Each structure stands twice: as C-alpha cells, then as structure tokens.
C-alpha cells in the first residue's frame, strides 16, 4: 500500500512519518505547498492528514480539482478529539478512519488496518 502524508503542521507530519516507518507501507510526505504543486494524487492508495489541514484545504483542493481523486481513497484523519469530528467535503460512503493526537501505536495500527481492509474490499 502506498500512502500520501500531508500536513501544514511539520511536527504532526513528523509523528505520522515516524509511525509509518515501522510499517511495511511505502509513503511520501508533503507539506501543503508541495501537495498543491504536485496537484495529481493518483498513484496513492490512501491519505493520512490532520483534521485542521484537511478542513483548511478542502476548498482549495476542490478549486484545483483534486478533491475527486482524494475522495476515492480511504483517509486517516488525525485530530485532538477522541471521536471523529465532522470532515469537510468528504462523502460518508468513503472510508474515513480517525486517530487521536498524539497518536498511540495501538490506535494508529487499528486505524491503518481499517484503511487496508477498505482497500482490499474495493
């Protein structure tokens, strides 16, 4: 599984990268400027981001036409809340997993497994 990690917050992005290095999954990590410059998100099986970055950038992604590609893939949202907060511009039918911040190994692996199983059934 190839994953895309993006966040406005460098420390959150680093925490996610550190957790992913202990998994067999390949990933690429971008800040917001690099994500927007890249434009195309094809080639990735899933997306990992923080809630604040997603909420802030959902309208920008829609403007640049990348929302459709992003919404076809499972997303793992990290947030400071225990339960999943509402997610802007995200269809309910697509798997959106949640992991509270700071991420704990068990919660992270459980959410990542939820993403993996969504890809296997698709």
PDB file of N, CA and C in Angstrom:
ATOM      1  N   UNK A   1       0.854  -1.170   0.000  1.00  0.00           N
ATOM      2  CA  UNK A   1       0.000   0.000   0.000  1.00  0.00           C
ATOM      3  C   UNK A   1       0.903   1.237   0.000  1.00  0.00           C
ATOM      4  N   UNK A   2       0.640   2.143  -0.913  1.00  0.00           N
ATOM      5  CA  UNK A   2       1.399   3.390  -0.998  1.00  0.00           C
ATOM      6  C   UNK A   2       0.540   4.522  -0.439  1.00  0.00           C
ATOM      7  N   UNK A   3       1.075   5.229   0.535  1.00  0.00           N
ATOM      8  CA  UNK A   3       0.318   6.249   1.257  1.00  0.00           C
ATOM      9  C   UNK A   3       0.882   7.641   1.026  1.00  0.00           C
ATOM     10  N   UNK A   4      -0.003   8.611   1.074  1.00  0.00           N
ATOM     11  CA  UNK A   4       0.359  10.015   0.951  1.00  0.00           C
ATOM     12  C   UNK A   4       0.119  10.682   2.294  1.00  0.00           C
ATOM     13  N   UNK A   5       1.137  11.337   2.829  1.00  0.00           N
ATOM     14  CA  UNK A   5       1.043  12.046   4.102  1.00  0.00           C
ATOM     15  C   UNK A   5       1.178  13.533   3.809  1.00  0.00           C
ATOM     16  N   UNK A   6       0.210  14.330   4.275  1.00  0.00           N
ATOM     17  CA  UNK A   6       0.380  15.777   4.159  1.00  0.00           C
ATOM     18  C   UNK A   6      -0.201  16.470   5.375  1.00  0.00           C
ATOM     19  N   UNK A   7       0.457  17.565   5.730  1.00  0.00           N
ATOM     20  CA  UNK A   7       0.006  18.359   6.864  1.00  0.00           C
ATOM     21  C   UNK A   7       0.666  19.721   6.808  1.00  0.00           C
ATOM     22  N   UNK A   8      -0.067  20.711   7.282  1.00  0.00           N
ATOM     23  CA  UNK A   8       0.507  22.048   7.436  1.00  0.00           C
ATOM     24  C   UNK A   8       1.468  22.077   8.616  1.00  0.00           C
ATOM     25  N   UNK A   9       1.229  21.211   9.581  1.00  0.00           N
ATOM     26  CA  UNK A   9       1.992  21.177  10.820  1.00  0.00           C
ATOM     27  C   UNK A   9       3.154  20.184  10.683  1.00  0.00           C
ATOM     28  N   UNK A  10       4.373  20.688  10.670  1.00  0.00           N
ATOM     29  CA  UNK A  10       5.557  19.844  10.474  1.00  0.00           C
ATOM     30  C   UNK A  10       5.724  18.804  11.586  1.00  0.00           C
ATOM     31  N   UNK A  11       5.378  19.150  12.818  1.00  0.00           N
ATOM     32  CA  UNK A  11       5.555  18.188  13.911  1.00  0.00           C
ATOM     33  C   UNK A  11       4.559  17.032  13.799  1.00  0.00           C
ATOM     34  N   UNK A  12       3.334  17.310  13.396  1.00  0.00           N
ATOM     35  CA  UNK A  12       2.356  16.232  13.186  1.00  0.00           C
ATOM     36  C   UNK A  12       2.802  15.357  12.025  1.00  0.00           C
ATOM     37  N   UNK A  13       3.254  15.988  10.946  1.00  0.00           N
ATOM     38  CA  UNK A  13       3.737  15.233   9.783  1.00  0.00           C
ATOM     39  C   UNK A  13       4.892  14.318  10.197  1.00  0.00           C
ATOM     40  N   UNK A  14       5.789  14.805  11.039  1.00  0.00           N
ATOM     41  CA  UNK A  14       6.924  14.012  11.514  1.00  0.00           C
ATOM     42  C   UNK A  14       6.448  12.846  12.382  1.00  0.00           C
ATOM     43  N   UNK A  15       5.459  13.073  13.248  1.00  0.00           N
ATOM     44  CA  UNK A  15       4.916  11.993  14.082  1.00  0.00           C
ATOM     45  C   UNK A  15       4.322  10.892  13.214  1.00  0.00           C
ATOM     46  N   UNK A  16       3.587  11.286  12.175  1.00  0.00           N
ATOM     47  CA  UNK A  16       2.977  10.302  11.274  1.00  0.00           C
ATOM     48  C   UNK A  16       4.068   9.528  10.532  1.00  0.00           C
ATOM     49  N   UNK A  17       5.076  10.239  10.044  1.00  0.00           N
ATOM     50  CA  UNK A  17       6.186   9.589   9.337  1.00  0.00           C
ATOM     51  C   UNK A  17       6.889   8.586  10.252  1.00  0.00           C
ATOM     52  N   UNK A  18       7.122   8.958  11.497  1.00  0.00           N
ATOM     53  CA  UNK A  18       7.786   8.065  12.453  1.00  0.00           C
ATOM     54  C   UNK A  18       6.980   6.794  12.675  1.00  0.00           C
ATOM     55  N   UNK A  19       5.657   6.924  12.772  1.00  0.00           N
ATOM     56  CA  UNK A  19       4.812   5.744  12.937  1.00  0.00           C
ATOM     57  C   UNK A  19       4.825   4.876  11.679  1.00  0.00           C
ATOM     58  N   UNK A  20       4.827   5.501  10.523  1.00  0.00           N
ATOM     59  CA  UNK A  20       4.785   4.738   9.274  1.00  0.00           C
ATOM     60  C   UNK A  20       6.093   3.999   8.983  1.00  0.00           C
ATOM     61  N   UNK A  21       7.198   4.488   9.507  1.00  0.00           N
ATOM     62  CA  UNK A  21       8.469   3.800   9.243  1.00  0.00           C
ATOM     63  C   UNK A  21       8.503   2.410   9.868  1.00  0.00           C
ATOM     64  N   UNK A  22       7.664   2.156  10.854  1.00  0.00           N
ATOM     65  CA  UNK A  22       7.616   0.832  11.480  1.00  0.00           C
ATOM     66  C   UNK A  22       6.614  -0.093  10.791  1.00  0.00           C
ATOM     67  N   UNK A  23       6.067   0.326   9.657  1.00  0.00           N
ATOM     68  CA  UNK A  23       5.123  -0.499   8.901  1.00  0.00           C
ATOM     69  C   UNK A  23       5.749  -0.864   7.558  1.00  0.00           C
ATOM     70  N   UNK A  24       5.193  -1.866   6.877  1.00  0.00           N
ATOM     71  CA  UNK A  24       5.740  -2.233   5.561  1.00  0.00           C
ATOM     72  C   UNK A  24       5.241  -1.328   4.426  1.00  0.00           C
ATOM     73  N   UNK A  25       4.441  -0.329   4.743  1.00  0.00           N
ATOM     74  CA  UNK A  25       3.850   0.522   3.716  1.00  0.00           C
ATOM     75  C   UNK A  25       4.833   1.586   3.228  1.00  0.00           C
ATOM     76  N   UNK A  26       4.777   1.842   1.931  1.00  0.00           N
ATOM     77  CA  UNK A  26       5.568   2.920   1.351  1.00  0.00           C
ATOM     78  C   UNK A  26       4.774   4.213   1.483  1.00  0.00           C
ATOM     79  N   UNK A  27       5.475   5.320   1.699  1.00  0.00           N
ATOM     80  CA  UNK A  27       4.764   6.588   1.824  1.00  0.00           C
ATOM     81  C   UNK A  27       5.615   7.725   1.298  1.00  0.00           C
ATOM     82  N   UNK A  28       4.920   8.790   0.914  1.00  0.00           N
ATOM     83  CA  UNK A  28       5.559  10.047   0.546  1.00  0.00           C
ATOM     84  C   UNK A  28       4.911  11.119   1.398  1.00  0.00           C
ATOM     85  N   UNK A  29       5.722  12.062   1.834  1.00  0.00           N
ATOM     86  CA  UNK A  29       5.243  13.096   2.739  1.00  0.00           C
ATOM     87  C   UNK A  29       5.434  14.475   2.118  1.00  0.00           C
ATOM     88  N   UNK A  30       4.391  15.296   2.214  1.00  0.00           N
ATOM     89  CA  UNK A  30       4.426  16.633   1.617  1.00  0.00           C
ATOM     90  C   UNK A  30       3.903  17.668   2.595  1.00  0.00           C
ATOM     91  N   UNK A  31       4.452  18.869   2.490  1.00  0.00           N
ATOM     92  CA  UNK A  31       3.818  19.989   3.158  1.00  0.00           C
ATOM     93  C   UNK A  31       2.751  20.515   2.197  1.00  0.00           C
ATOM     94  N   UNK A  32       2.025  21.528   2.605  1.00  0.00           N
ATOM     95  CA  UNK A  32       0.896  21.991   1.807  1.00  0.00           C
ATOM     96  C   UNK A  32       1.336  22.544   0.451  1.00  0.00           C
ATOM     97  N   UNK A  33       2.401  23.332   0.431  1.00  0.00           N
ATOM     98  CA  UNK A  33       2.869  23.912  -0.829  1.00  0.00           C
ATOM     99  C   UNK A  33       3.256  22.816  -1.827  1.00  0.00           C
ATOM    100  N   UNK A  34       3.960  21.799  -1.345  1.00  0.00           N
ATOM    101  CA  UNK A  34       4.360  20.696  -2.222  1.00  0.00           C
ATOM    102  C   UNK A  34       3.149  19.891  -2.682  1.00  0.00           C
ATOM    103  N   UNK A  35       2.181  19.733  -1.794  1.00  0.00           N
ATOM    104  CA  UNK A  35       0.959  18.998  -2.142  1.00  0.00           C
ATOM    105  C   UNK A  35       0.202  19.719  -3.252  1.00  0.00           C
ATOM    106  N   UNK A  36       0.061  21.025  -3.136  1.00  0.00           N
ATOM    107  CA  UNK A  36      -0.640  21.797  -4.158  1.00  0.00           C
ATOM    108  C   UNK A  36       0.163  21.844  -5.456  1.00  0.00           C
ATOM    109  N   UNK A  37       1.481  21.920  -5.358  1.00  0.00           N
ATOM    110  CA  UNK A  37       2.323  21.931  -6.549  1.00  0.00           C
ATOM    111  C   UNK A  37       2.250  20.585  -7.269  1.00  0.00           C
ATOM    112  N   UNK A  38       2.151  19.506  -6.503  1.00  0.00           N
ATOM    113  CA  UNK A  38       2.060  18.172  -7.092  1.00  0.00           C
ATOM    114  C   UNK A  38       0.762  18.021  -7.860  1.00  0.00           C
ATOM    115  N   UNK A  39      -0.317  18.525  -7.297  1.00  0.00           N
ATOM    116  CA  UNK A  39      -1.612  18.505  -7.967  1.00  0.00           C
ATOM    117  C   UNK A  39      -2.238  17.126  -8.052  1.00  0.00           C
ATOM    118  N   UNK A  40      -1.651  16.233  -8.776  1.00  0.00           N
ATOM    119  CA  UNK A  40      -2.210  14.912  -9.015  1.00  0.00           C
ATOM    120  C   UNK A  40      -1.917  13.980  -7.839  1.00  0.00           C
ATOM    121  N   UNK A  41      -2.946  13.352  -7.326  1.00  0.00           N
ATOM    122  CA  UNK A  41      -2.763  12.425  -6.202  1.00  0.00           C
ATOM    123  C   UNK A  41      -2.964  10.982  -6.648  1.00  0.00           C
ATOM    124  N   UNK A  42      -2.997  10.750  -7.944  1.00  0.00           N
ATOM    125  CA  UNK A  42      -3.121   9.370  -8.435  1.00  0.00           C
ATOM    126  C   UNK A  42      -1.841   8.621  -8.102  1.00  0.00           C
ATOM    127  N   UNK A  43      -1.962   7.323  -7.949  1.00  0.00           N
ATOM    128  CA  UNK A  43      -0.801   6.509  -7.617  1.00  0.00           C
ATOM    129  C   UNK A  43      -0.694   6.219  -6.132  1.00  0.00           C
ATOM    130  N   UNK A  44      -1.556   6.824  -5.335  1.00  0.00           N
ATOM    131  CA  UNK A  44      -1.565   6.579  -3.890  1.00  0.00           C
ATOM    132  C   UNK A  44      -2.821   5.806  -3.529  1.00  0.00           C
ATOM    133  N   UNK A  45      -2.666   4.882  -2.588  1.00  0.00           N
ATOM    134  CA  UNK A  45      -3.806   4.069  -2.150  1.00  0.00           C
ATOM    135  C   UNK A  45      -4.586   4.711  -1.022  1.00  0.00           C
ATOM    136  N   UNK A  46      -3.937   5.532  -0.225  1.00  0.00           N
ATOM    137  CA  UNK A  46      -4.594   6.158   0.911  1.00  0.00           C
ATOM    138  C   UNK A  46      -3.904   7.456   1.288  1.00  0.00           C
ATOM    139  N   UNK A  47      -4.553   8.201   2.158  1.00  0.00           N
ATOM    140  CA  UNK A  47      -4.081   9.517   2.561  1.00  0.00           C
ATOM    141  C   UNK A  47      -4.112   9.613   4.079  1.00  0.00           C
ATOM    142  N   UNK A  48      -3.067  10.200   4.651  1.00  0.00           N
ATOM    143  CA  UNK A  48      -3.012  10.457   6.090  1.00  0.00           C
ATOM    144  C   UNK A  48      -2.784  11.947   6.279  1.00  0.00           C
ATOM    145  N   UNK A  49      -3.645  12.582   7.062  1.00  0.00           N
ATOM    146  CA  UNK A  49      -3.534  14.017   7.292  1.00  0.00           C
ATOM    147  C   UNK A  49      -4.135  14.365   8.642  1.00  0.00           C
ATOM    148  N   UNK A  50      -3.926  15.594   9.056  1.00  0.00           N
ATOM    149  CA  UNK A  50      -4.555  16.036  10.290  1.00  0.00           C
ATOM    150  C   UNK A  50      -5.838  16.797   9.965  1.00  0.00           C
ATOM    151  N   UNK A  51      -6.740  16.818  10.910  1.00  0.00           N
ATOM    152  CA  UNK A  51      -8.058  17.411  10.715  1.00  0.00           C
ATOM    153  C   UNK A  51      -7.972  18.881  10.331  1.00  0.00           C
ATOM    154  N   UNK A  52      -7.134  19.630  11.013  1.00  0.00           N
ATOM    155  CA  UNK A  52      -7.037  21.063  10.758  1.00  0.00           C
ATOM    156  C   UNK A  52      -6.565  21.334   9.322  1.00  0.00           C
ATOM    157  N   UNK A  53      -5.575  20.582   8.851  1.00  0.00           N
ATOM    158  CA  UNK A  53      -5.095  20.769   7.475  1.00  0.00           C
ATOM    159  C   UNK A  53      -6.187  20.431   6.462  1.00  0.00           C
ATOM    160  N   UNK A  54      -6.883  19.310   6.702  1.00  0.00           N
ATOM    161  CA  UNK A  54      -7.952  18.920   5.773  1.00  0.00           C
ATOM    162  C   UNK A  54      -9.043  19.988   5.719  1.00  0.00           C
ATOM    163  N   UNK A  55      -9.498  20.442   6.877  1.00  0.00           N
ATOM    164  CA  UNK A  55     -10.573  21.433   6.919  1.00  0.00           C
ATOM    165  C   UNK A  55     -10.157  22.729   6.221  1.00  0.00           C
ATOM    166  N   UNK A  56      -8.937  23.133   6.440  1.00  0.00           N
ATOM    167  CA  UNK A  56      -8.464  24.382   5.868  1.00  0.00           C
ATOM    168  C   UNK A  56      -8.267  24.282   4.359  1.00  0.00           C
ATOM    169  N   UNK A  57      -7.885  23.105   3.869  1.00  0.00           N
ATOM    170  CA  UNK A  57      -7.525  22.966   2.456  1.00  0.00           C
ATOM    171  C   UNK A  57      -8.580  22.312   1.580  1.00  0.00           C
ATOM    172  N   UNK A  58      -9.670  21.831   2.144  1.00  0.00           N
ATOM    173  CA  UNK A  58     -10.690  21.145   1.347  1.00  0.00           C
ATOM    174  C   UNK A  58     -11.215  22.019   0.211  1.00  0.00           C
ATOM    175  N   UNK A  59     -11.458  23.275   0.480  1.00  0.00           N
ATOM    176  CA  UNK A  59     -11.958  24.180  -0.564  1.00  0.00           C
ATOM    177  C   UNK A  59     -10.891  24.433  -1.627  1.00  0.00           C
ATOM    178  N   UNK A  60      -9.643  24.522  -1.216  1.00  0.00           N
ATOM    179  CA  UNK A  60      -8.550  24.727  -2.174  1.00  0.00           C
ATOM    180  C   UNK A  60      -8.403  23.497  -3.066  1.00  0.00           C
ATOM    181  N   UNK A  61      -8.494  22.306  -2.479  1.00  0.00           N
ATOM    182  CA  UNK A  61      -8.423  21.087  -3.281  1.00  0.00           C
ATOM    183  C   UNK A  61      -9.566  21.037  -4.294  1.00  0.00           C
ATOM    184  N   UNK A  62     -10.743  21.436  -3.849  1.00  0.00           N
ATOM    185  CA  UNK A  62     -11.897  21.451  -4.753  1.00  0.00           C
ATOM    186  C   UNK A  62     -11.647  22.438  -5.893  1.00  0.00           C
ATOM    187  N   UNK A  63     -11.101  23.600  -5.601  1.00  0.00           N
ATOM    188  CA  UNK A  63     -10.815  24.619  -6.612  1.00  0.00           C
ATOM    189  C   UNK A  63      -9.827  24.093  -7.661  1.00  0.00           C
ATOM    190  N   UNK A  64      -8.791  23.362  -7.208  1.00  0.00           N
ATOM    191  CA  UNK A  64      -7.784  22.839  -8.136  1.00  0.00           C
ATOM    192  C   UNK A  64      -8.157  21.487  -8.728  1.00  0.00           C
ATOM    193  N   UNK A  65      -9.323  20.965  -8.378  1.00  0.00           N
ATOM    194  CA  UNK A  65      -9.808  19.730  -8.985  1.00  0.00           C
ATOM    195  C   UNK A  65      -9.203  18.449  -8.445  1.00  0.00           C
ATOM    196  N   UNK A  66      -8.616  18.473  -7.267  1.00  0.00           N
ATOM    197  CA  UNK A  66      -8.026  17.252  -6.710  1.00  0.00           C
ATOM    198  C   UNK A  66      -8.942  16.557  -5.710  1.00  0.00           C
ATOM    199  N   UNK A  67     -10.046  17.193  -5.351  1.00  0.00           N
ATOM    200  CA  UNK A  67     -10.948  16.602  -4.353  1.00  0.00           C
ATOM    201  C   UNK A  67     -11.499  15.263  -4.827  1.00  0.00           C
ATOM    202  N   UNK A  68     -11.838  15.154  -6.099  1.00  0.00           N
ATOM    203  CA  UNK A  68     -12.414  13.912  -6.608  1.00  0.00           C
ATOM    204  C   UNK A  68     -11.441  12.743  -6.438  1.00  0.00           C
ATOM    205  N   UNK A  69     -10.163  12.960  -6.761  1.00  0.00           N
ATOM    206  CA  UNK A  69      -9.157  11.908  -6.570  1.00  0.00           C
ATOM    207  C   UNK A  69      -8.993  11.561  -5.099  1.00  0.00           C
ATOM    208  N   UNK A  70      -8.957  12.566  -4.239  1.00  0.00           N
ATOM    209  CA  UNK A  70      -8.780  12.325  -2.808  1.00  0.00           C
ATOM    210  C   UNK A  70      -9.974  11.585  -2.216  1.00  0.00           C
ATOM    211  N   UNK A  71     -11.165  11.891  -2.688  1.00  0.00           N
ATOM    212  CA  UNK A  71     -12.373  11.290  -2.127  1.00  0.00           C
ATOM    213  C   UNK A  71     -12.625   9.871  -2.614  1.00  0.00           C
ATOM    214  N   UNK A  72     -11.805   9.365  -3.514  1.00  0.00           N
ATOM    215  CA  UNK A  72     -11.920   7.979  -3.961  1.00  0.00           C
ATOM    216  C   UNK A  72     -11.053   7.052  -3.119  1.00  0.00           C
ATOM    217  N   UNK A  73     -10.273   7.620  -2.235  1.00  0.00           N
ATOM    218  CA  UNK A  73      -9.346   6.835  -1.430  1.00  0.00           C
ATOM    219  C   UNK A  73      -9.681   6.934   0.059  1.00  0.00           C
ATOM    220  N   UNK A  74      -9.341   5.875   0.808  1.00  0.00           N
ATOM    221  CA  UNK A  74      -9.535   5.974   2.252  1.00  0.00           C
ATOM    222  C   UNK A  74      -8.597   7.021   2.851  1.00  0.00           C
ATOM    223  N   UNK A  75      -9.070   7.681   3.885  1.00  0.00           N
ATOM    224  CA  UNK A  75      -8.290   8.726   4.540  1.00  0.00           C
ATOM    225  C   UNK A  75      -8.234   8.438   6.036  1.00  0.00           C
ATOM    226  N   UNK A  76      -7.061   8.639   6.601  1.00  0.00           N
ATOM    227  CA  UNK A  76      -6.886   8.551   8.052  1.00  0.00           C
ATOM    228  C   UNK A  76      -6.665   9.965   8.559  1.00  0.00           C
ATOM    229  N   UNK A  77      -7.616  10.449   9.364  1.00  0.00           N
ATOM    230  CA  UNK A  77      -7.585  11.803   9.899  1.00  0.00           C
ATOM    231  C   UNK A  77      -7.072  11.764  11.344  1.00  0.00           C
ATOM    232  N   UNK A  78      -6.074  12.564  11.624  1.00  0.00           N
ATOM    233  CA  UNK A  78      -5.563  12.726  12.987  1.00  0.00           C
ATOM    234  C   UNK A  78      -6.156  14.007  13.558  1.00  0.00           C
ATOM    235  N   UNK A  79      -6.646  13.943  14.789  1.00  0.00           N
ATOM    236  CA  UNK A  79      -7.198  15.144  15.414  1.00  0.00           C
ATOM    237  C   UNK A  79      -6.983  15.084  16.917  1.00  0.00           C
ATOM    238  N   UNK A  80      -7.176  16.231  17.561  1.00  0.00           N
ATOM    239  CA  UNK A  80      -7.013  16.291  19.012  1.00  0.00           C
ATOM    240  C   UNK A  80      -8.251  15.782  19.741  1.00  0.00           C
ATOM    241  N   UNK A  81      -9.274  15.389  19.006  1.00  0.00           N
ATOM    242  CA  UNK A  81     -10.524  14.905  19.600  1.00  0.00           C
ATOM    243  C   UNK A  81     -10.500  13.387  19.734  1.00  0.00           C
ATOM    244  N   UNK A  82     -11.215  12.887  20.737  1.00  0.00           N
ATOM    245  CA  UNK A  82     -11.301  11.441  20.927  1.00  0.00           C
ATOM    246  C   UNK A  82     -12.165  10.798  19.848  1.00  0.00           C
ATOM    247  N   UNK A  83     -13.225  11.487  19.435  1.00  0.00           N
ATOM    248  CA  UNK A  83     -14.111  10.979  18.392  1.00  0.00           C
ATOM    249  C   UNK A  83     -13.887  11.766  17.115  1.00  0.00           C
ATOM    250  N   UNK A  84     -14.267  11.155  16.021  1.00  0.00           N
ATOM    251  CA  UNK A  84     -14.089  11.788  14.720  1.00  0.00           C
ATOM    252  C   UNK A  84     -14.922  13.053  14.609  1.00  0.00           C
ATOM    253  N   UNK A  85     -14.274  14.194  14.376  1.00  0.00           N
ATOM    254  CA  UNK A  85     -15.014  15.440  14.155  1.00  0.00           C
ATOM    255  C   UNK A  85     -15.575  15.451  12.732  1.00  0.00           C
ATOM    256  N   UNK A  86     -16.538  16.319  12.440  1.00  0.00           N
ATOM    257  CA  UNK A  86     -17.048  16.413  11.076  1.00  0.00           C
ATOM    258  C   UNK A  86     -15.913  16.755  10.108  1.00  0.00           C
ATOM    259  N   UNK A  87     -15.964  16.151   8.926  1.00  0.00           N
ATOM    260  CA  UNK A  87     -14.910  16.347   7.933  1.00  0.00           C
ATOM    261  C   UNK A  87     -15.517  16.992   6.695  1.00  0.00           C
ATOM    262  N   UNK A  88     -15.001  18.139   6.343  1.00  0.00           N
ATOM    263  CA  UNK A  88     -15.498  18.944   5.235  1.00  0.00           C
ATOM    264  C   UNK A  88     -15.246  18.251   3.893  1.00  0.00           C
ATOM    265  N   UNK A  89     -16.249  18.280   3.010  1.00  0.00           N
ATOM    266  CA  UNK A  89     -16.141  17.784   1.631  1.00  0.00           C
ATOM    267  C   UNK A  89     -15.728  16.325   1.541  1.00  0.00           C
ATOM    268  N   UNK A  90     -16.154  15.506   2.486  1.00  0.00           N
ATOM    269  CA  UNK A  90     -15.797  14.088   2.487  1.00  0.00           C
ATOM    270  C   UNK A  90     -17.068  13.258   2.464  1.00  0.00           C
ATOM    271  N   UNK A  91     -17.308  12.457   1.388  1.00  0.00           N
ATOM    272  CA  UNK A  91     -18.525  11.644   1.326  1.00  0.00           C
ATOM    273  C   UNK A  91     -18.567  10.587   2.440  1.00  0.00           C
ATOM    274  N   UNK A  92     -19.749  10.289   2.923  1.00  0.00           N
ATOM    275  CA  UNK A  92     -19.909   9.325   4.013  1.00  0.00           C
ATOM    276  C   UNK A  92     -19.616   7.899   3.555  1.00  0.00           C
ATOM    277  N   UNK A  93     -19.765   7.621   2.256  1.00  0.00           N
ATOM    278  CA  UNK A  93     -19.579   6.265   1.750  1.00  0.00           C
ATOM    279  C   UNK A  93     -18.111   5.844   1.698  1.00  0.00           C
ATOM    280  N   UNK A  94     -17.208   6.804   1.679  1.00  0.00           N
ATOM    281  CA  UNK A  94     -15.780   6.505   1.579  1.00  0.00           C
ATOM    282  C   UNK A  94     -15.213   6.360   2.991  1.00  0.00           C
ATOM    283  N   UNK A  95     -14.338   5.381   3.163  1.00  0.00           N
ATOM    284  CA  UNK A  95     -13.769   5.121   4.490  1.00  0.00           C
ATOM    285  C   UNK A  95     -12.920   6.302   4.951  1.00  0.00           C
ATOM    286  N   UNK A  96     -13.277   6.803   6.119  1.00  0.00           N
ATOM    287  CA  UNK A  96     -12.516   7.866   6.765  1.00  0.00           C
ATOM    288  C   UNK A  96     -12.246   7.394   8.185  1.00  0.00           C
ATOM    289  N   UNK A  97     -11.013   6.969   8.430  1.00  0.00           N
ATOM    290  CA  UNK A  97     -10.625   6.476   9.751  1.00  0.00           C
ATOM    291  C   UNK A  97     -10.137   7.651  10.594  1.00  0.00           C
ATOM    292  N   UNK A  98     -10.075   7.444  11.890  1.00  0.00           N
ATOM    293  CA  UNK A  98      -9.689   8.514  12.813  1.00  0.00           C
ATOM    294  C   UNK A  98      -8.675   7.994  13.815  1.00  0.00           C
ATOM    295  N   UNK A  99      -7.722   8.850  14.162  1.00  0.00           N
ATOM    296  CA  UNK A  99      -6.742   8.542  15.199  1.00  0.00           C
ATOM    297  C   UNK A  99      -6.503   9.815  16.000  1.00  0.00           C
ATOM    298  N   UNK A 100      -6.677   9.762  17.327  1.00  0.00           N
ATOM    299  CA  UNK A 100      -6.457  10.965  18.137  1.00  0.00           C
ATOM    300  C   UNK A 100      -4.966  11.331  18.226  1.00  0.00           C
ATOM    301  N   UNK A 101      -4.727  12.615  18.441  1.00  0.00           N
ATOM    302  CA  UNK A 101      -3.366  13.118  18.634  1.00  0.00           C
ATOM    303  C   UNK A 101      -3.093  13.263  20.120  1.00  0.00           C
ATOM    304  N   UNK A 102      -1.931  13.026  20.631  1.00  0.00           N
ATOM    305  CA  UNK A 102      -0.806  12.431  19.914  1.00  0.00           C
ATOM    306  C   UNK A 102      -1.097  10.967  19.622  1.00  0.00           C
ATOM    307  N   UNK A 103      -0.670  10.493  18.448  1.00  0.00           N
ATOM    308  CA  UNK A 103      -1.015   9.124  18.055  1.00  0.00           C
ATOM    309  C   UNK A 103      -0.313   8.076  18.914  1.00  0.00           C
ATOM    310  N   UNK A 104      -1.074   7.120  19.372  1.00  0.00           N
ATOM    311  CA  UNK A 104      -0.540   5.979  20.103  1.00  0.00           C
ATOM    312  C   UNK A 104      -0.465   4.810  19.127  1.00  0.00           C
ATOM    313  N   UNK A 105       0.503   3.937  19.308  1.00  0.00           N
ATOM    314  CA  UNK A 105       0.723   2.837  18.369  1.00  0.00           C
ATOM    315  C   UNK A 105      -0.532   2.007  18.127  1.00  0.00           C
ATOM    316  N   UNK A 106      -1.216   1.603  19.208  1.00  0.00           N
ATOM    317  CA  UNK A 106      -2.379   0.722  19.066  1.00  0.00           C
ATOM    318  C   UNK A 106      -3.482   1.390  18.254  1.00  0.00           C
ATOM    319  N   UNK A 107      -3.781   2.632  18.573  1.00  0.00           N
ATOM    320  CA  UNK A 107      -4.837   3.356  17.860  1.00  0.00           C
ATOM    321  C   UNK A 107      -4.457   3.583  16.405  1.00  0.00           C
ATOM    322  N   UNK A 108      -3.194   3.906  16.173  1.00  0.00           N
ATOM    323  CA  UNK A 108      -2.721   4.132  14.810  1.00  0.00           C
ATOM    324  C   UNK A 108      -2.820   2.860  13.978  1.00  0.00           C
ATOM    325  N   UNK A 109      -2.335   1.745  14.511  1.00  0.00           N
ATOM    326  CA  UNK A 109      -2.356   0.491  13.758  1.00  0.00           C
ATOM    327  C   UNK A 109      -3.779   0.017  13.506  1.00  0.00           C
ATOM    328  N   UNK A 110      -4.666   0.260  14.447  1.00  0.00           N
ATOM    329  CA  UNK A 110      -6.070  -0.096  14.262  1.00  0.00           C
ATOM    330  C   UNK A 110      -6.690   0.714  13.119  1.00  0.00           C
ATOM    331  N   UNK A 111      -6.443   2.011  13.092  1.00  0.00           N
ATOM    332  CA  UNK A 111      -6.968   2.868  12.033  1.00  0.00           C
ATOM    333  C   UNK A 111      -6.344   2.522  10.683  1.00  0.00           C
ATOM    334  N   UNK A 112      -5.059   2.204  10.680  1.00  0.00           N
ATOM    335  CA  UNK A 112      -4.377   1.819   9.441  1.00  0.00           C
ATOM    336  C   UNK A 112      -4.933   0.502   8.916  1.00  0.00           C
ATOM    337  N   UNK A 113      -5.255  -0.409   9.819  1.00  0.00           N
ATOM    338  CA  UNK A 113      -5.870  -1.677   9.421  1.00  0.00           C
ATOM    339  C   UNK A 113      -7.249  -1.439   8.806  1.00  0.00           C
ATOM    340  N   UNK A 114      -7.987  -0.488   9.344  1.00  0.00           N
ATOM    341  CA  UNK A 114      -9.292  -0.136   8.793  1.00  0.00           C
ATOM    342  C   UNK A 114      -9.135   0.374   7.355  1.00  0.00           C
ATOM    343  N   UNK A 115      -8.109   1.181   7.109  1.00  0.00           N
ATOM    344  CA  UNK A 115      -7.832   1.666   5.754  1.00  0.00           C
ATOM    345  C   UNK A 115      -7.454   0.515   4.831  1.00  0.00           C
ATOM    346  N   UNK A 116      -6.608  -0.385   5.303  1.00  0.00           N
ATOM    347  CA  UNK A 116      -6.160  -1.527   4.492  1.00  0.00           C
ATOM    348  C   UNK A 116      -7.322  -2.419   4.112  1.00  0.00           C
ATOM    349  N   UNK A 117      -8.200  -2.710   5.055  1.00  0.00           N
ATOM    350  CA  UNK A 117      -9.340  -3.566   4.741  1.00  0.00           C
ATOM    351  C   UNK A 117     -10.296  -2.899   3.770  1.00  0.00           C
ATOM    352  N   UNK A 118     -10.397  -1.586   3.803  1.00  0.00           N
ATOM    353  CA  UNK A 118     -11.239  -0.880   2.834  1.00  0.00           C
ATOM    354  C   UNK A 118     -10.669  -1.026   1.427  1.00  0.00           C
ATOM    355  N   UNK A 119      -9.358  -1.024   1.312  1.00  0.00           N
ATOM    356  CA  UNK A 119      -8.723  -1.189   0.002  1.00  0.00           C
ATOM    357  C   UNK A 119      -8.880  -2.622  -0.508  1.00  0.00           C
ATOM    358  N   UNK A 120      -8.827  -3.593   0.381  1.00  0.00           N
ATOM    359  CA  UNK A 120      -8.946  -4.996  -0.032  1.00  0.00           C
ATOM    360  C   UNK A 120     -10.354  -5.324  -0.504  1.00  0.00           C
ATOM    361  N   UNK A 121     -11.372  -4.669   0.067  1.00  0.00           N
ATOM    362  CA  UNK A 121     -12.750  -4.939  -0.341  1.00  0.00           C
ATOM    363  C   UNK A 121     -13.146  -4.140  -1.571  1.00  0.00           C
ATOM    364  N   UNK A 122     -12.361  -3.138  -1.923  1.00  0.00           N
ATOM    365  CA  UNK A 122     -12.695  -2.309  -3.080  1.00  0.00           C
ATOM    366  C   UNK A 122     -12.346  -2.994  -4.385  1.00  0.00           C
TER     367      UNK A 122
END
